[in-house]
Each structure stands twice: as C-alpha cells, then as structure tokens.
Amino acid sequence: MQITLKLFATFRNGRFKVAQQELPEGTDVRAVVLSLGLTEEEIGIVMLNGRHGELDSKLANGDTLSLFPLVGGG
C-alpha cells in the first residue's frame, strides 16, 4: 500500500517534509515512527487523514499520516 507521510517541525531536520511511502498491508503508525528512527516518546500529535490518530492506528492505502513532535516552552 502507499501512504503520504508528512513531517513537521524538528522531525523534518535531516529528513523530508512530505514523502510517498510504500508499506506492507497492516502496518500501523508505530511501525512508521520507528522506521524513521523516532521514539514513541517524541511523538506529540498523530493525524491520520486530518483526524486525530494513535500509534496503534492501522494504515490503509491512500492514507495521509502527519507526525508532530512534542513542543516545550514556557
């Protein structure tokens, strides 16, 4: 299956903004996160097709996955 993967803020450093990814059927968000060299703890927001998603959300052909890092500040 093919998805569109969008990275935001610091996740773009040394990576990309938007990419098409070919993945096996049944892949979940967690597997994509780990394949990028990220940890679950670094993920602030998961958006799947413009709606809130979870790390265990299963991906389907044509999905758009957006990953945002945790943001700190004071």
Protein backbone atom coordinates (compact mmCIF):
# COMPACT_ATOMS: atom_id res chain seq x y z
CA MET A 1 0.00 0.00 0.00
CA GLN A 2 1.09 3.59 -0.48
CA ILE A 3 0.65 6.43 2.01
CA THR A 4 1.62 10.10 2.13
CA LEU A 5 3.79 10.90 5.14
CA LYS A 6 4.10 14.49 6.37
CA LEU A 7 6.63 15.52 9.00
CA PHE A 8 6.50 18.77 10.95
CA ALA A 9 8.88 20.99 12.94
CA THR A 10 12.04 19.23 14.17
CA PHE A 11 11.03 15.91 12.58
CA ARG A 12 11.96 17.47 9.22
CA ASN A 13 15.59 18.02 10.23
CA GLY A 14 17.67 15.70 8.06
CA ARG A 15 14.54 14.04 6.68
CA PHE A 16 11.80 15.46 4.46
CA LYS A 17 8.58 17.47 4.62
CA VAL A 18 6.36 15.20 2.53
CA ALA A 19 7.07 11.76 1.07
CA GLN A 20 5.21 8.89 -0.52
CA GLN A 21 5.91 5.62 1.29
CA GLU A 22 5.25 2.07 0.18
CA LEU A 23 4.33 -0.08 3.18
CA PRO A 24 3.11 -3.64 3.76
CA GLU A 25 -0.62 -4.10 4.38
CA GLY A 26 -1.46 -3.95 8.09
CA THR A 27 1.31 -1.50 9.01
CA ASP A 28 0.47 0.70 11.99
CA VAL A 29 1.63 4.22 12.84
CA ARG A 30 4.08 2.92 15.45
CA ALA A 31 6.00 0.96 12.77
CA VAL A 32 6.35 4.11 10.64
CA VAL A 33 7.56 6.13 13.65
CA LEU A 34 10.19 3.52 14.50
CA SER A 35 11.31 3.23 10.85
CA LEU A 36 12.10 6.96 10.92
CA GLY A 37 14.43 6.47 13.90
CA LEU A 38 12.00 8.25 16.22
CA THR A 39 10.78 7.04 19.59
CA GLU A 40 7.19 6.87 20.73
CA GLU A 41 8.02 9.42 23.44
CA GLU A 42 8.98 12.03 20.82
CA ILE A 43 5.54 11.98 19.18
CA GLY A 44 3.25 14.81 20.23
CA ILE A 45 0.38 14.51 17.76
CA VAL A 46 -0.59 11.88 15.20
CA MET A 47 -3.00 12.97 12.47
CA LEU A 48 -4.46 10.36 10.14
CA ASN A 49 -6.40 11.75 7.19
CA GLY A 50 -6.86 15.05 9.03
CA ARG A 51 -8.19 13.45 12.21
CA HIS A 52 -6.53 12.53 15.49
CA GLY A 53 -4.81 9.15 15.30
CA GLU A 54 -2.99 6.82 17.66
CA LEU A 55 0.28 4.93 17.44
CA ASP A 56 -1.64 1.67 17.08
CA SER A 57 -3.86 3.04 14.27
CA LYS A 58 -3.67 0.76 11.22
CA LEU A 59 -2.82 2.45 7.93
CA ALA A 60 -4.64 1.86 4.64
CA ASN A 61 -3.77 2.54 1.02
CA GLY A 62 -4.09 6.25 0.23
CA ASP A 63 -3.90 7.44 3.85
CA THR A 64 -2.15 10.67 4.80
CA LEU A 65 -0.17 10.40 8.04
CA SER A 66 1.10 13.58 9.71
CA LEU A 67 3.53 13.45 12.64
CA PHE A 68 4.19 16.35 15.01
CA PRO A 69 6.81 16.39 17.79
CA LEU A 70 6.20 17.30 21.38
CA VAL A 71 6.58 21.04 21.84
CA GLY A 72 8.02 22.50 25.01
CA GLY A 73 8.16 26.02 26.23
CA GLY A 74 7.19 28.20 29.00
